[in-house]
Protein backbone atom coordinates (compact mmCIF):
# COMPACT_ATOMS: atom_id res chain seq x y z
CA UNK A 1 145.27 137.89 105.89
CA UNK A 2 146.45 134.53 107.19
CA UNK A 3 149.42 134.62 104.85
CA UNK A 4 150.30 138.14 105.93
CA UNK A 5 150.49 137.07 109.52
CA UNK A 6 152.45 133.95 108.70
CA UNK A 7 154.91 136.06 106.67
CA UNK A 8 155.39 138.35 109.65
CA UNK A 9 155.99 135.41 111.98
CA UNK A 10 158.50 133.87 109.56
CA UNK A 11 160.27 137.20 109.29
CA UNK A 12 160.75 137.42 113.08
CA UNK A 13 162.06 133.88 113.45
CA UNK A 14 164.02 133.45 110.27
CA UNK A 15 165.04 136.95 109.14
CA UNK A 16 167.86 137.20 111.63
CA UNK A 17 169.91 134.59 109.82
CA UNK A 18 168.90 135.79 106.37
CA UNK A 19 169.44 139.41 107.31
CA UNK A 20 173.09 138.66 107.87
CA UNK A 21 173.15 136.89 104.51
CA UNK A 22 171.65 139.91 102.75
CA UNK A 23 174.67 142.05 103.59
CA UNK A 24 177.07 139.72 101.78
CA UNK A 25 179.33 141.12 99.07
CA UNK A 26 178.74 140.29 95.41
CA UNK A 27 181.95 138.28 95.11
CA UNK A 28 181.59 134.53 94.85
CA UNK A 29 182.34 133.22 98.39
CA UNK A 30 184.84 130.50 99.12
CA UNK A 31 184.16 127.73 101.65
CA UNK A 32 184.68 129.08 105.12
CA UNK A 33 187.64 127.37 106.83
CA UNK A 34 187.27 126.08 110.36
CA UNK A 35 188.41 128.73 112.85
CA UNK A 36 191.72 128.31 114.61
CA UNK A 37 191.45 126.55 117.92
CA UNK A 38 192.18 129.63 119.96
CA UNK A 39 189.42 131.60 118.15
CA UNK A 40 186.63 129.05 118.62
CA UNK A 41 183.71 130.80 120.45
CA UNK A 42 183.24 129.30 123.92
CA UNK A 43 180.07 131.04 125.09
CA UNK A 44 176.48 130.71 123.79
CA UNK A 45 176.38 134.41 122.80
CA UNK A 46 179.68 134.17 120.97
CA UNK A 47 178.51 131.07 119.09
CA UNK A 48 175.33 132.90 117.97
CA UNK A 49 177.27 136.00 116.89
CA UNK A 50 179.81 133.88 115.02
CA UNK A 51 176.95 132.10 113.25
CA UNK A 52 175.52 135.41 112.09
CA UNK A 53 178.91 136.48 110.76
CA UNK A 54 179.33 133.20 108.85
CA UNK A 55 175.89 133.60 107.29
CA UNK A 56 177.30 136.55 105.33
CA UNK A 57 179.13 134.07 103.11
CA UNK A 58 176.00 132.29 101.97
CA UNK A 59 174.04 134.87 100.01
CA UNK A 60 175.68 134.49 96.61
CA UNK A 61 175.59 130.71 96.87
CA UNK A 62 171.88 130.83 97.75
CA UNK A 63 171.19 132.98 94.71
CA UNK A 64 172.57 130.18 92.56
CA UNK A 65 169.63 127.93 93.40
CA UNK A 66 166.04 127.70 92.24
CA UNK A 67 163.62 125.37 93.99
CA UNK A 68 159.98 124.50 94.68
CA UNK A 69 157.79 125.42 97.68
CA UNK A 70 154.74 123.44 98.64
CA UNK A 71 152.51 125.30 101.15
CA UNK A 72 149.80 123.51 103.09
CA UNK A 73 147.46 125.64 105.20
CA UNK A 74 144.77 123.99 107.29
CA UNK A 75 142.11 126.17 108.83
CA UNK A 76 140.70 124.71 112.08
CA UNK A 77 137.41 125.14 113.93
CA UNK A 78 137.06 125.84 117.65
CA UNK A 79 137.51 122.17 118.48
CA UNK A 80 140.69 121.81 116.41
CA UNK A 81 139.04 119.95 113.49
CA UNK A 82 140.16 120.77 109.98
CA UNK A 83 137.44 122.70 108.12
CA UNK A 84 139.44 123.74 105.04
CA UNK A 85 142.77 122.86 103.48
CA UNK A 86 144.57 124.98 100.86
CA UNK A 87 147.68 123.65 99.05
CA UNK A 88 149.78 125.84 96.77
CA UNK A 89 152.95 124.80 94.96
CA UNK A 90 155.40 127.32 93.56
CA UNK A 91 158.45 127.35 91.36
CA UNK A 92 160.88 129.82 92.92
CA UNK A 93 163.07 131.34 90.23
CA UNK A 94 165.43 134.27 89.84
CA UNK A 95 163.89 137.30 88.08
CA UNK A 96 165.77 140.56 87.94
CA UNK A 97 168.23 139.39 90.58
CA UNK A 98 165.48 138.41 93.04
CA UNK A 99 163.80 135.13 93.95
CA UNK A 100 160.22 135.16 92.66
CA UNK A 101 157.49 132.62 93.37
CA UNK A 102 155.49 131.37 90.41
CA UNK A 103 152.35 129.41 91.20
CA UNK A 104 152.29 126.11 89.32
CA UNK A 105 149.67 124.00 91.17
CA UNK A 106 146.70 124.21 93.50
CA UNK A 107 145.70 121.29 95.74
CA UNK A 108 148.42 119.26 93.98
CA UNK A 109 146.75 119.73 90.60
CA UNK A 110 148.48 121.67 87.79
CA UNK A 111 147.02 125.05 86.90
CA UNK A 112 144.64 125.23 83.99
CA UNK A 113 145.84 126.88 80.79
CA UNK A 114 143.98 130.05 81.65
CA UNK A 115 145.38 130.11 85.23
CA UNK A 116 148.90 129.57 83.88
CA UNK A 117 148.55 132.44 81.46
CA UNK A 118 147.35 134.68 84.26
CA UNK A 119 150.25 133.68 86.46
CA UNK A 120 152.72 134.30 83.69
CA UNK A 121 151.19 137.74 83.15
CA UNK A 122 151.56 138.48 86.87
CA UNK A 123 155.24 137.50 86.80
CA UNK A 124 155.87 139.71 83.76
CA UNK A 125 154.19 142.66 85.46
CA UNK A 126 156.23 142.12 88.58
CA UNK A 127 159.47 142.12 86.57
CA UNK A 128 158.38 145.36 84.78
CA UNK A 129 157.70 147.03 88.14
CA UNK A 130 161.08 145.96 89.43
CA UNK A 131 162.75 147.41 86.34
CA UNK A 132 160.82 150.65 86.64
CA UNK A 133 161.58 150.90 90.38
CA UNK A 134 165.27 150.35 89.76
CA UNK A 135 165.27 153.05 87.12
CA UNK A 136 163.62 155.63 89.42
CA UNK A 137 165.42 154.89 92.63
CA UNK A 138 169.02 155.19 93.70
CA UNK A 139 169.97 151.51 94.00
CA UNK A 140 173.04 152.27 96.10
CA UNK A 141 170.99 154.34 98.57
CA UNK A 142 168.28 151.69 98.80
CA UNK A 143 170.90 149.04 99.45
CA UNK A 144 172.52 151.19 102.16
CA UNK A 145 169.14 151.60 103.91
CA UNK A 146 168.40 147.89 103.68
CA UNK A 147 171.82 146.96 105.06
CA UNK A 148 171.31 149.41 107.95
CA UNK A 149 167.96 147.74 108.72
CA UNK A 150 169.60 144.34 108.61
CA UNK A 151 172.39 145.39 110.96
CA UNK A 152 169.74 146.71 113.37
CA UNK A 153 167.83 143.43 113.31
CA UNK A 154 170.94 141.39 114.00
CA UNK A 155 171.98 143.76 116.83
CA UNK A 156 168.54 143.60 118.40
CA UNK A 157 168.44 139.84 118.18
CA UNK A 158 171.67 139.53 120.18
CA UNK A 159 170.21 142.00 122.72
CA UNK A 160 166.68 140.57 123.14
CA UNK A 161 167.73 137.18 124.50
CA UNK A 162 169.74 135.47 127.17
CA UNK A 163 171.52 132.57 125.43
CA UNK A 164 172.55 129.32 127.09
CA UNK A 165 173.73 125.89 125.91
CA UNK A 166 170.95 123.30 126.14
CA UNK A 167 172.77 120.25 124.88
CA UNK A 168 174.04 118.83 121.57
CA UNK A 169 172.47 116.88 118.70
CA UNK A 170 173.40 115.58 115.27
CA UNK A 171 171.44 117.10 112.35
CA UNK A 172 171.96 115.70 108.83
CA UNK A 173 175.12 114.07 110.13
CA UNK A 174 176.46 117.32 111.53
CA UNK A 175 177.16 117.72 115.28
CA UNK A 176 175.35 120.85 116.49
CA UNK A 177 175.07 122.92 119.62
CA UNK A 178 171.57 123.50 120.93
CA UNK A 179 171.36 127.10 122.08
CA UNK A 180 168.39 128.20 124.22
CA UNK A 181 167.11 131.76 123.68
CA UNK A 182 164.95 133.34 126.43
CA UNK A 183 163.85 136.98 126.27
CA UNK A 184 165.41 139.41 128.72
CA UNK A 185 162.54 140.86 130.75
CA UNK A 186 164.05 144.36 131.07
CA UNK A 187 164.90 144.77 127.39
CA UNK A 188 162.88 147.52 125.62
CA UNK A 189 162.46 146.64 121.90
CA UNK A 190 162.85 149.40 119.33
CA UNK A 191 161.22 147.81 116.28
CA UNK A 192 158.31 145.62 115.21
CA UNK A 193 160.66 142.67 114.67
CA UNK A 194 162.18 143.09 118.17
CA UNK A 195 158.77 143.36 119.78
CA UNK A 196 157.70 140.10 118.13
CA UNK A 197 160.99 138.41 119.07
CA UNK A 198 160.51 139.40 122.71
CA UNK A 199 157.19 137.56 122.68
CA UNK A 200 158.96 134.36 121.61
CA UNK A 201 161.44 131.93 123.08
CA UNK A 202 163.04 128.82 121.69
CA UNK A 203 166.14 126.89 120.66
CA UNK A 204 168.58 127.19 117.78
CA UNK A 205 170.68 124.32 116.46
CA UNK A 206 174.06 125.62 115.24
CA UNK A 207 176.59 123.36 113.53
CA UNK A 208 179.94 122.97 115.19
CA UNK A 209 181.85 122.64 111.97
CA UNK A 210 180.69 125.77 110.14
CA UNK A 211 178.43 127.68 112.54
CA UNK A 212 175.22 127.48 110.39
CA UNK A 213 171.63 127.49 111.74
CA UNK A 214 170.15 124.11 110.85
CA UNK A 215 167.09 124.06 113.04
CA UNK A 216 164.85 126.49 114.95
CA UNK A 217 162.10 125.57 117.40
CA UNK A 218 160.21 128.57 118.83
CA UNK A 219 156.96 129.37 120.62
CA UNK A 220 154.96 132.44 121.57
CA UNK A 221 155.15 133.06 125.31
CA UNK A 222 152.91 136.13 125.29
CA UNK A 223 150.37 137.74 122.97
CA UNK A 224 151.53 140.09 120.24
CA UNK A 225 149.46 142.85 118.67
CA UNK A 226 149.69 144.16 115.13
CA UNK A 227 148.28 147.69 115.36
CA UNK A 228 145.31 148.43 117.57
CA UNK A 229 142.61 146.43 115.78
CA UNK A 230 144.39 144.73 112.93
CA UNK A 231 145.46 141.44 114.48
CA UNK A 232 146.72 139.65 117.56
CA UNK A 233 148.94 136.57 117.67
CA UNK A 234 148.09 134.53 120.75
CA UNK A 235 150.41 132.91 123.30
CA UNK A 236 151.11 129.25 122.56
CA UNK A 237 151.83 129.58 118.83
CA UNK A 238 154.62 127.24 117.71
CA UNK A 239 156.97 127.27 114.70
CA UNK A 240 159.74 124.91 113.65
CA UNK A 241 162.23 125.17 110.80
CA UNK A 242 164.97 122.84 109.54
CA UNK A 243 167.60 123.24 106.86
CA UNK A 244 169.65 120.69 104.92
CA UNK A 245 173.05 120.81 103.33
CA UNK A 246 172.88 121.01 99.51
CA UNK A 247 175.75 120.00 97.25
CA UNK A 248 178.00 120.10 100.31
CA UNK A 249 178.29 123.90 99.95
CA UNK A 250 175.29 125.59 101.57
CA UNK A 251 172.43 124.96 104.00
CA UNK A 252 168.97 125.60 102.53
CA UNK A 253 165.46 125.19 103.95
CA UNK A 254 163.96 121.73 104.24
CA UNK A 255 160.66 122.69 105.89
CA UNK A 256 158.87 125.27 108.01
CA UNK A 257 155.83 124.19 110.04
CA UNK A 258 153.77 125.30 112.93
CA UNK A 259 150.43 126.64 114.03
CA UNK A 260 148.82 130.02 114.40
CA UNK A 261 146.09 131.11 116.78
CA UNK A 262 145.14 134.72 116.08
CA UNK A 263 142.50 137.35 116.03
CA UNK A 264 142.28 139.06 112.64
CA UNK A 265 140.16 142.22 112.94
CA UNK A 266 136.97 140.82 114.48
CA UNK A 267 137.55 137.19 113.42
CA UNK A 268 139.42 134.42 115.13
CA UNK A 269 141.72 132.20 113.04
CA UNK A 270 143.33 128.90 113.94
CA UNK A 271 145.70 127.54 111.31
CA UNK A 272 148.18 124.70 110.95
CA UNK A 273 150.75 125.38 108.26
CA UNK A 274 153.70 123.62 106.62
CA UNK A 275 155.94 124.67 103.75
CA UNK A 276 158.35 122.08 102.30
CA UNK A 277 161.20 122.91 99.95
CA UNK A 278 162.44 120.55 97.22
CA UNK A 279 164.03 120.24 93.76
CA UNK A 280 166.96 122.53 94.44
CA UNK A 281 168.69 123.28 91.13
CA UNK A 282 171.93 125.09 90.79
CA UNK A 283 172.36 127.29 87.76
CA UNK A 284 175.06 129.45 86.24
CA UNK A 285 174.83 133.04 85.08
CA UNK A 286 173.42 131.92 81.72
CA UNK A 287 170.69 129.98 83.61
CA UNK A 288 171.85 126.50 82.59
CA UNK A 289 171.15 123.92 85.24
CA UNK A 290 174.40 122.40 86.56
CA UNK A 291 173.11 120.19 89.32
CA UNK A 292 169.91 118.94 90.95
CA UNK A 293 169.45 117.85 94.56
CA UNK A 294 166.13 116.74 95.99
CA UNK A 295 165.45 117.82 99.57
CA UNK A 296 164.66 114.93 101.93
CA UNK A 297 161.09 114.71 103.07
CA UNK A 298 160.60 116.23 106.55
CA UNK A 299 159.91 113.80 109.43
CA UNK A 300 156.26 113.16 110.10
């Protein structure tokens, strides 16, 4: 259940940028040239909208990379002391045109032979289900529905918040605007994602050179309910994400970290979490590795 809530939280904070990426065309994108001087956005909202448009160019490039994820989840007691730590490491590979996570280690120890066989079987079954689903469904219609959902999320994101410039900072050697996002009190959300976004405020770091999101720092400013009795995310939750430029062609995640204070059914959960991304490998259509770039370790 913890992972379900974390996934929902990540979706609200990170999906906006990736949603724009999901609507990219299948053609291999070219590097986006710097906009002409007269077309440079000069307001916070314009910068955010331009960043979402530019994200469309990144999807195909992102699909050319495999990588590793290392998830650390610490369950805390009422006094904030760690009572349990779970560590899972995954190889993220392309299967059937989608990124799939393959578990390769627990608590920084490789899986046993039996566990590896079980994980391989799970991956094979997932691929079979994807193949069967694609056979039964109208792929074009499914894509149209997904793109419509993505457009809605992007539209709602630009409507939920008041944006303002909050300074500038250099990230990975790139000058970036810091854009503050504060929910508009009168806005009435029309989806689960928008309801969660309205419960959060934060800052977005957007590069001046190519309008990419390189950092997000957000916090819950009010409680958020999933269903009536399923779960509640409590005010004060914090999440931070950073990306890094890989092979001088695309920004990819460096880490996501934060904390979660929630009620799950009749239980209370307090969790610190961190996912780090590393070992980015670029491959061609025939799956041959053409380049490897290690992601820098996140700051402590």
